[in-house]
Amino acid sequence: MFIFKAGKSHNNIRVSTMEEVFILNAGRVPAVKQDVDDVARLAARAIAPLMDAAVFAREEVTALYVGNMLSGILSHQQLLAPLIAQHAKLTGCEAITAEAACGSGAAAMRQGVMAIASGFHHLVVVAGAEQMSRNSRDEVSRGLATASCWEREGGKGETFITLNARIMKAYMDTYATERSAFSHFAVNAHENASKNHCAMLQKTITADDYDAGRMLADPIGLFDAPPICDGASALLLGNKDMALRAQRLGMPVVKVLASTCATDALAIEDRQDPLALAAARDSFKKAYKISGVTPADIDVFEPHDAYTVMTALSLEAAGFSKPGTATHMAAEGMFTKTGSLPITSFGGLKARGHPVGATGVYQLAECFLQLTEQAGELQIPGATLAMTQNLGGAAGSAFTHILERI
């Protein structure tokens, strides 16, 4: 293992030099209803393609970081990462599970980035996996609600549908927005998912379909929310030496320019402005500062579009839209594949599916495919910079990553 490299001295404090971090490969399994495998084997399937190129030996992988939220609740299986390592034939490496509710996948990615940047590891695997559809809808809803403030929200009968309904109602009231204005986000997500073989909902919808969808919790309707599903995705991360090895063998790689996290009050009523998404905003600001890029530089953005209102709020928190204007920009087609800022390019949480602990890794894998021109029909021409944001709960935490094609 590497130790921290000695850096420049500043005010008698020794500053460490960070290693550059690269994504070397990505693996995905389709998000589906009731996958045949349990959550550990599901993750192992996503990890398997990372080594198929025979560029890196499994023995070179010294750490595995896994994003998962519900395995202990729904499958009664904690200590998940070592079990996944066993099935992926990575036994012996450092293996740790990251839990940040719906942001668990990006939390695992952040652990992986820090492991490489610190110099402690050369080559690591980041995976996200969730098995949700073997349990009843009530069990899953109750499990998801543990990511709210249980004492004042989840334990009082609130679910993430009802919490997001409150947020959406506040948005509509504050900005005089009609519910139908959110349809553009759902229509765009489904259009992209229709060409994504790993998406659960590979079908297009219209604005009329959106309006006709059954109401879940007014104003949240069927097409405002993502489906419950099973899924897994994985990434291979390495330092510059590993990236150069991959490039010499003709493999495209992507550089991680920023990895950030920020938090907000967990209970919605404790937030100064529930529509500001303070955690998302602060995480974006950190990522822009670290990477040196601005919102205008981003070519592809994967927001945490678990609900259409969260898509709007995320775009506004990131600086792509002014408060209350994201739905207007969506109506003008600015967030479609041919728009000025393509979002949810593989269908997003809304239509690809939202297997919560895996979602953040799916987002990153999809951006890797975009930046390495492996997105097929979904390719965004000329994309060089991509950004993802994965939220924990109703934005109690937010993880942002900025990636660059090299």
Protein backbone atom coordinates (compact mmCIF):
# COMPACT_ATOMS: atom_id res chain seq x y z
CA MET A 1 0.00 0.00 0.00
CA PHE A 2 1.00 3.58 -0.55
CA ILE A 3 1.31 6.01 2.30
CA PHE A 4 0.40 9.66 1.99
CA LYS A 5 2.87 11.48 -0.21
CA ALA A 6 4.71 14.37 1.37
CA GLY A 7 3.54 17.70 0.00
CA LYS A 8 4.34 21.37 0.41
CA SER A 9 4.49 22.94 3.82
CA HIS A 10 2.04 25.76 4.58
CA ASN A 11 2.04 27.56 7.94
CA ASN A 12 4.02 24.66 9.41
CA ILE A 13 1.32 22.20 8.39
CA ARG A 14 2.37 19.35 6.10
CA VAL A 15 -0.10 19.08 3.19
CA SER A 16 -0.55 15.70 1.50
CA THR A 17 -0.55 15.37 -2.30
CA MET A 18 -3.58 13.61 -3.71
CA GLU A 19 -3.38 10.96 -6.39
CA GLU A 20 -5.48 11.45 -9.53
CA VAL A 21 -8.47 9.08 -9.75
CA PHE A 22 -9.83 7.44 -12.89
CA ILE A 23 -12.79 5.25 -13.82
CA LEU A 24 -11.38 2.37 -15.84
CA ASN A 25 -14.47 0.29 -16.54
CA ALA A 26 -18.16 -0.02 -15.71
CA GLY A 27 -20.59 -2.90 -15.31
CA ARG A 28 -24.39 -2.93 -15.13
CA VAL A 29 -27.13 -5.49 -14.81
CA PRO A 30 -30.67 -4.64 -15.93
CA ALA A 31 -32.95 -3.07 -13.34
CA VAL A 32 -35.86 -5.49 -13.15
CA LYS A 33 -38.77 -6.68 -11.10
CA GLN A 34 -37.70 -9.70 -9.03
CA ASP A 35 -34.24 -10.61 -10.23
CA VAL A 36 -33.48 -14.31 -9.80
CA ASP A 37 -30.41 -13.62 -7.64
CA ASP A 38 -30.09 -12.38 -4.09
CA VAL A 39 -28.47 -9.01 -3.50
CA ALA A 40 -24.90 -10.32 -3.09
CA ARG A 41 -24.97 -12.41 -6.26
CA LEU A 42 -26.65 -9.54 -8.08
CA ALA A 43 -23.70 -7.29 -7.19
CA ALA A 44 -21.21 -9.97 -8.22
CA ARG A 45 -22.80 -10.09 -11.69
CA ALA A 46 -22.28 -6.35 -12.08
CA ILE A 47 -18.65 -6.66 -10.97
CA ALA A 48 -17.80 -9.55 -13.31
CA PRO A 49 -17.48 -7.47 -16.54
CA LEU A 50 -14.94 -5.17 -14.91
CA MET A 51 -12.31 -7.89 -15.22
CA ASP A 52 -13.35 -9.29 -18.60
CA ALA A 53 -10.79 -7.24 -20.50
CA ALA A 54 -8.03 -9.21 -18.73
CA VAL A 55 -6.13 -5.97 -18.22
CA PHE A 56 -6.22 -6.23 -14.44
CA ALA A 57 -6.00 -9.34 -12.31
CA ARG A 58 -8.53 -9.78 -9.50
CA GLU A 59 -5.63 -10.05 -7.08
CA GLU A 60 -4.71 -6.43 -7.84
CA VAL A 61 -8.03 -5.17 -6.47
CA THR A 62 -7.33 -4.31 -2.84
CA ALA A 63 -10.66 -2.76 -1.80
CA LEU A 64 -14.38 -3.11 -2.48
CA TYR A 65 -16.85 -0.38 -1.47
CA VAL A 66 -20.53 -1.27 -1.70
CA GLY A 67 -23.55 1.03 -1.67
CA ASN A 68 -26.63 -0.55 -0.09
CA MET A 69 -29.50 0.70 2.04
CA LEU A 70 -32.03 -2.06 2.66
CA SER A 71 -30.30 -5.43 2.81
CA GLY A 72 -30.37 -5.56 6.61
CA ILE A 73 -34.02 -4.50 6.69
CA LEU A 74 -35.47 -6.49 3.79
CA SER A 75 -33.07 -9.44 3.45
CA HIS A 76 -31.81 -9.68 7.05
CA GLN A 77 -28.27 -9.58 5.68
CA GLN A 78 -25.80 -7.13 7.14
CA LEU A 79 -22.04 -7.27 6.57
CA LEU A 80 -22.90 -7.32 2.89
CA ALA A 81 -19.60 -6.19 1.37
CA PRO A 82 -17.56 -9.27 2.46
CA LEU A 83 -20.33 -11.52 1.11
CA ILE A 84 -20.24 -9.71 -2.23
CA ALA A 85 -16.43 -9.98 -2.24
CA GLN A 86 -16.81 -13.73 -1.75
CA HIS A 87 -19.20 -14.12 -4.70
CA ALA A 88 -17.10 -11.80 -6.88
CA LYS A 89 -13.94 -13.76 -6.07
CA LEU A 90 -12.39 -10.78 -4.32
CA THR A 91 -12.15 -12.40 -0.89
CA GLY A 92 -9.27 -11.03 1.13
CA CYS A 93 -9.57 -7.43 0.04
CA GLU A 94 -10.80 -4.59 2.20
CA ALA A 95 -14.61 -4.68 1.89
CA ILE A 96 -16.91 -2.04 3.40
CA THR A 97 -20.60 -1.23 2.94
CA ALA A 98 -21.60 2.44 2.66
CA GLU A 99 -25.08 3.47 3.81
CA ALA A 100 -26.48 6.87 2.91
CA ALA A 101 -30.06 5.83 2.12
CA CYS A 102 -30.82 6.50 -1.57
CA GLY A 103 -27.36 8.08 -1.86
CA SER A 104 -25.53 4.93 -0.80
CA GLY A 105 -24.12 4.24 -4.26
CA ALA A 106 -22.47 7.64 -4.52
CA ALA A 107 -21.29 7.34 -0.90
CA ALA A 108 -19.49 4.13 -1.91
CA MET A 109 -18.01 5.96 -4.88
CA ARG A 110 -16.75 8.71 -2.60
CA GLN A 111 -15.07 6.10 -0.40
CA GLY A 112 -13.45 4.60 -3.49
CA VAL A 113 -12.26 7.99 -4.73
CA MET A 114 -10.74 8.83 -1.35
CA ALA A 115 -9.06 5.41 -1.18
CA ILE A 116 -7.29 6.01 -4.48
CA ALA A 117 -6.64 9.74 -3.92
CA SER A 118 -5.03 9.06 -0.55
CA GLY A 119 -2.58 6.61 -2.10
CA PHE A 120 -3.65 3.76 0.17
CA HIS A 121 -5.01 1.78 -2.80
CA HIS A 122 -4.10 1.52 -6.50
CA LEU A 123 -7.14 -0.35 -7.80
CA VAL A 124 -10.57 -0.65 -6.19
CA VAL A 125 -14.08 -1.75 -7.09
CA VAL A 126 -17.14 0.35 -6.28
CA ALA A 127 -20.50 -1.38 -6.47
CA GLY A 128 -24.10 -0.59 -5.65
CA ALA A 129 -26.79 -3.20 -5.25
CA GLU A 130 -30.34 -3.48 -3.97
CA GLN A 131 -32.89 -6.30 -3.84
CA MET A 132 -36.27 -4.64 -3.24
CA SER A 133 -39.00 -6.54 -5.05
CA ARG A 134 -39.14 -9.76 -3.04
CA ASN A 135 -40.88 -7.90 -0.24
CA SER A 136 -44.33 -6.36 -0.08
CA ARG A 137 -44.80 -2.75 -1.12
CA ASP A 138 -45.64 -1.86 2.48
CA GLU A 139 -42.40 -3.43 3.77
CA VAL A 140 -40.36 -1.56 1.16
CA SER A 141 -42.11 1.75 1.85
CA ARG A 142 -41.53 1.36 5.57
CA GLY A 143 -37.89 0.49 4.97
CA LEU A 144 -37.39 3.50 2.73
CA ALA A 145 -39.06 5.72 5.32
CA THR A 146 -36.19 5.00 7.73
CA ALA A 147 -34.25 7.54 5.66
CA SER A 148 -36.61 10.26 6.87
CA CYS A 149 -36.56 11.67 10.39
CA TRP A 150 -38.22 8.61 11.94
CA GLU A 151 -39.27 10.32 15.15
CA ARG A 152 -41.19 13.06 13.34
CA GLU A 153 -41.83 11.75 9.82
CA GLY A 154 -41.46 8.03 9.04
CA GLY A 155 -42.58 6.92 12.48
CA LYS A 156 -45.67 9.11 12.14
CA GLY A 157 -46.79 7.43 8.92
CA GLU A 158 -45.00 9.61 6.37
CA THR A 159 -43.49 7.91 3.31
CA PHE A 160 -41.25 9.37 0.64
CA ILE A 161 -44.28 9.68 -1.60
CA THR A 162 -46.08 11.84 0.96
CA LEU A 163 -42.95 13.83 1.80
CA ASN A 164 -42.29 14.58 -1.86
CA ALA A 165 -45.96 15.42 -2.32
CA ARG A 166 -45.53 18.12 0.32
CA ILE A 167 -42.46 19.46 -1.45
CA MET A 168 -44.15 19.40 -4.85
CA LYS A 169 -47.22 21.18 -3.48
CA ALA A 170 -44.96 23.86 -1.97
CA TYR A 171 -43.20 24.30 -5.32
CA MET A 172 -46.49 24.63 -7.19
CA ASP A 173 -47.83 27.15 -4.69
CA THR A 174 -44.63 29.18 -4.46
CA TYR A 175 -44.03 29.46 -8.20
CA ALA A 176 -47.64 29.25 -9.46
CA THR A 177 -46.78 26.09 -11.37
CA GLU A 178 -49.36 23.67 -12.78
CA ARG A 179 -48.84 19.98 -12.08
CA SER A 180 -48.73 19.25 -15.82
CA ALA A 181 -45.56 21.35 -16.09
CA PHE A 182 -43.61 18.49 -14.51
CA SER A 183 -44.65 16.06 -17.26
CA HIS A 184 -41.70 17.02 -19.48
CA PHE A 185 -39.23 15.44 -17.04
CA ALA A 186 -41.09 12.12 -17.06
CA VAL A 187 -41.64 12.09 -20.83
CA ASN A 188 -37.93 12.74 -21.45
CA ALA A 189 -36.83 10.04 -18.99
CA HIS A 190 -39.08 7.42 -20.59
CA GLU A 191 -37.96 8.39 -24.10
CA ASN A 192 -34.34 7.73 -23.14
CA ALA A 193 -35.12 4.56 -21.21
CA SER A 194 -36.86 3.10 -24.25
CA LYS A 195 -33.39 2.72 -25.80
CA ASN A 196 -31.62 1.48 -22.65
CA HIS A 197 -31.49 -2.32 -22.39
CA CYS A 198 -30.78 -2.02 -18.66
CA ALA A 199 -33.88 0.07 -17.96
CA MET A 200 -36.92 -1.40 -16.25
CA LEU A 201 -39.47 0.79 -18.04
CA GLN A 202 -38.46 0.62 -21.69
CA LYS A 203 -41.53 2.41 -22.96
CA THR A 204 -42.34 5.95 -24.01
CA ILE A 205 -45.11 8.04 -22.49
CA THR A 206 -46.87 11.23 -23.53
CA ALA A 207 -47.93 14.30 -21.57
CA ASP A 208 -51.48 12.93 -21.75
CA ASP A 209 -50.31 9.66 -20.18
CA TYR A 210 -48.73 11.69 -17.40
CA ASP A 211 -51.94 13.61 -16.76
CA ALA A 212 -54.01 10.41 -16.80
CA GLY A 213 -51.77 8.48 -14.40
CA ARG A 214 -53.37 7.51 -11.11
CA MET A 215 -52.71 9.73 -8.14
CA LEU A 216 -50.44 8.31 -5.43
CA ALA A 217 -50.50 11.25 -2.99
CA ASP A 218 -51.75 14.52 -4.45
CA PRO A 219 -50.00 16.02 -6.39
CA ILE A 220 -47.62 13.06 -6.85
CA GLY A 221 -48.94 10.78 -9.58
CA LEU A 222 -47.80 7.47 -11.03
CA PHE A 223 -45.47 9.10 -13.55
CA ASP A 224 -43.84 11.39 -10.99
CA ALA A 225 -42.28 8.47 -9.11
CA PRO A 226 -39.80 5.67 -9.91
CA PRO A 227 -40.58 1.93 -9.85
CA ILE A 228 -39.50 -0.44 -7.08
CA CYS A 229 -36.95 -2.82 -8.58
CA ASP A 230 -33.78 -4.85 -8.16
CA GLY A 231 -30.48 -3.84 -9.69
CA ALA A 232 -26.71 -3.50 -9.43
CA SER A 233 -23.91 -1.59 -11.08
CA ALA A 234 -20.15 -1.45 -10.55
CA LEU A 235 -17.07 0.59 -11.41
CA LEU A 236 -13.35 -0.09 -11.48
CA LEU A 237 -11.30 2.82 -10.13
CA GLY A 238 -7.56 3.24 -10.41
CA ASN A 239 -4.72 5.71 -10.02
CA LYS A 240 -2.78 7.26 -12.91
CA ASP A 241 -0.48 4.26 -13.34
CA MET A 242 -3.48 1.98 -13.71
CA ALA A 243 -5.11 4.41 -16.14
CA LEU A 244 -1.98 4.52 -18.30
CA ARG A 245 -1.88 0.74 -18.37
CA ALA A 246 -5.48 0.63 -19.54
CA GLN A 247 -4.86 3.29 -22.20
CA ARG A 248 -1.82 1.44 -23.57
CA LEU A 249 -4.13 -1.51 -24.18
CA GLY A 250 -6.70 0.64 -25.95
CA MET A 251 -9.20 1.02 -23.12
CA PRO A 252 -10.86 4.43 -22.70
CA VAL A 253 -10.71 5.96 -19.23
CA VAL A 254 -12.45 8.85 -17.48
CA LYS A 255 -10.96 11.18 -14.87
CA VAL A 256 -12.79 12.05 -11.65
CA LEU A 257 -12.48 15.83 -11.30
CA ALA A 258 -14.55 16.20 -8.13
CA SER A 259 -16.22 14.12 -5.45
CA THR A 260 -18.16 16.03 -2.79
CA CYS A 261 -20.78 15.60 -0.09
CA ALA A 262 -22.96 17.99 1.90
CA THR A 263 -25.86 17.62 4.32
CA ASP A 264 -29.02 19.40 5.45
CA ALA A 265 -31.46 19.04 8.33
CA LEU A 266 -33.12 15.63 8.01
CA ALA A 267 -36.68 16.63 8.85
CA ILE A 268 -38.18 18.82 6.13
CA GLU A 269 -39.84 21.15 8.62
CA ASP A 270 -36.43 21.91 10.15
CA ARG A 271 -35.09 23.35 6.90
CA GLN A 272 -34.89 27.07 6.40
CA ASP A 273 -36.17 26.68 2.83
CA PRO A 274 -37.29 23.18 1.76
CA LEU A 275 -37.23 24.29 -1.90
CA ALA A 276 -33.59 25.37 -1.78
CA LEU A 277 -32.18 21.82 -1.38
CA ALA A 278 -29.29 23.18 0.68
CA ALA A 279 -27.36 19.89 0.68
CA ALA A 280 -27.57 19.64 -3.10
CA ARG A 281 -26.62 23.30 -3.54
CA ASP A 282 -23.63 23.09 -1.21
CA SER A 283 -22.41 19.83 -2.72
CA PHE A 284 -22.59 21.37 -6.21
CA LYS A 285 -20.68 24.46 -5.07
CA LYS A 286 -17.89 22.34 -3.62
CA ALA A 287 -17.67 20.27 -6.80
CA TYR A 288 -17.48 23.33 -9.04
CA LYS A 289 -14.75 24.84 -6.88
CA ILE A 290 -12.66 21.66 -6.75
CA SER A 291 -12.97 20.92 -10.46
CA GLY A 292 -12.69 24.49 -11.69
CA VAL A 293 -15.70 24.10 -13.98
CA THR A 294 -18.99 25.98 -14.08
CA PRO A 295 -22.57 24.89 -14.84
CA ALA A 296 -22.09 26.15 -18.40
CA ASP A 297 -19.27 23.62 -18.94
CA ILE A 298 -21.34 20.51 -18.13
CA ASP A 299 -22.37 18.45 -21.17
CA VAL A 300 -24.43 15.73 -19.44
CA PHE A 301 -26.13 15.81 -16.05
CA GLU A 302 -27.66 12.91 -14.15
CA PRO A 303 -29.87 14.38 -11.39
CA HIS A 304 -31.48 12.37 -8.63
CA ASP A 305 -34.86 12.34 -10.37
CA ALA A 306 -36.61 10.07 -7.88
CA TYR A 307 -39.57 12.45 -8.19
CA THR A 308 -40.16 15.01 -10.93
CA VAL A 309 -40.12 17.84 -8.41
CA MET A 310 -36.67 16.73 -7.26
CA THR A 311 -35.48 16.96 -10.86
CA ALA A 312 -36.59 20.60 -10.97
CA LEU A 313 -35.09 21.43 -7.58
CA SER A 314 -31.80 19.73 -8.43
CA LEU A 315 -31.46 21.68 -11.67
CA GLU A 316 -32.10 24.89 -9.77
CA ALA A 317 -29.72 24.02 -6.93
CA ALA A 318 -26.99 23.25 -9.48
CA GLY A 319 -27.29 26.64 -11.11
CA PHE A 320 -28.74 25.41 -14.40
CA SER A 321 -32.05 27.16 -13.75
CA LYS A 322 -33.16 30.04 -11.60
CA PRO A 323 -35.60 29.14 -8.77
CA GLY A 324 -39.01 28.30 -10.18
CA THR A 325 -37.88 28.13 -13.82
CA ALA A 326 -36.72 24.53 -14.38
CA THR A 327 -40.16 23.40 -15.59
CA HIS A 328 -40.24 26.25 -18.12
CA MET A 329 -36.83 25.23 -19.46
CA ALA A 330 -37.99 21.62 -19.66
CA ALA A 331 -41.01 22.70 -21.72
CA GLU A 332 -38.61 24.34 -24.18
CA GLY A 333 -36.74 21.03 -24.64
CA MET A 334 -33.52 22.20 -23.01
CA PHE A 335 -33.02 18.96 -21.06
CA THR A 336 -33.63 16.45 -23.85
CA LYS A 337 -30.94 14.55 -25.73
CA THR A 338 -30.73 17.33 -28.31
CA GLY A 339 -31.12 20.17 -25.81
CA SER A 340 -28.45 22.40 -24.33
CA LEU A 341 -28.14 20.19 -21.20
CA PRO A 342 -29.18 16.55 -21.66
CA ILE A 343 -30.33 14.93 -18.40
CA THR A 344 -31.42 11.40 -17.41
CA SER A 345 -29.73 10.22 -20.60
CA PHE A 346 -30.36 6.53 -19.86
CA GLY A 347 -33.81 7.05 -18.33
CA GLY A 348 -32.83 8.22 -14.87
CA LEU A 349 -34.34 6.89 -11.67
CA LYS A 350 -37.79 7.54 -13.11
CA ALA A 351 -37.60 5.01 -15.96
CA ARG A 352 -34.32 3.09 -15.67
CA GLY A 353 -35.46 2.29 -12.14
CA HIS A 354 -34.33 3.21 -8.64
CA PRO A 355 -32.79 0.23 -6.80
CA VAL A 356 -31.79 2.68 -4.12
CA GLY A 357 -28.30 1.55 -3.05
CA ALA A 358 -27.30 1.00 -6.68
CA THR A 359 -28.66 4.23 -8.15
CA GLY A 360 -25.60 6.43 -7.64
CA VAL A 361 -23.35 3.83 -9.28
CA TYR A 362 -25.73 3.45 -12.24
CA GLN A 363 -25.54 7.22 -12.75
CA LEU A 364 -21.74 7.16 -12.79
CA ALA A 365 -21.60 4.10 -15.04
CA GLU A 366 -23.95 5.79 -17.50
CA CYS A 367 -21.79 8.91 -17.56
CA PHE A 368 -18.72 6.74 -18.10
CA LEU A 369 -20.45 5.22 -21.14
CA GLN A 370 -21.35 8.69 -22.44
CA LEU A 371 -17.84 10.08 -22.03
CA THR A 372 -16.19 7.03 -23.62
CA GLU A 373 -18.65 7.03 -26.55
CA GLN A 374 -20.15 3.66 -25.63
CA ALA A 375 -23.74 4.87 -25.19
CA GLY A 376 -25.04 3.64 -28.54
CA GLU A 377 -28.37 5.21 -29.51
CA LEU A 378 -28.25 7.27 -26.34
CA GLN A 379 -24.88 8.87 -27.12
CA ILE A 380 -24.62 12.62 -26.52
CA PRO A 381 -22.27 13.79 -29.32
CA GLY A 382 -19.09 15.47 -28.15
CA ALA A 383 -19.70 15.05 -24.42
CA THR A 384 -16.51 15.75 -22.48
CA LEU A 385 -17.78 16.71 -18.99
CA ALA A 386 -20.49 14.93 -17.03
CA MET A 387 -21.92 15.47 -13.57
CA THR A 388 -24.02 13.27 -11.30
CA GLN A 389 -25.84 14.00 -8.09
CA ASN A 390 -27.21 11.28 -5.82
CA LEU A 391 -29.40 12.31 -2.87
CA GLY A 392 -29.91 10.56 0.45
CA GLY A 393 -33.57 10.64 1.51
CA ALA A 394 -35.36 13.88 0.68
CA ALA A 395 -31.95 15.54 0.16
CA GLY A 396 -30.76 15.10 3.74
CA SER A 397 -27.42 14.38 2.10
CA ALA A 398 -26.10 14.99 -1.39
CA PHE A 399 -23.13 13.53 -3.29
CA THR A 400 -21.83 15.20 -6.45
CA HIS A 401 -19.28 13.84 -8.91
CA ILE A 402 -17.82 15.57 -11.96
CA LEU A 403 -16.15 13.41 -14.61
CA GLU A 404 -13.99 14.32 -17.62
CA ARG A 405 -13.16 12.45 -20.81
CA ILE A 406 -9.41 12.30 -21.38
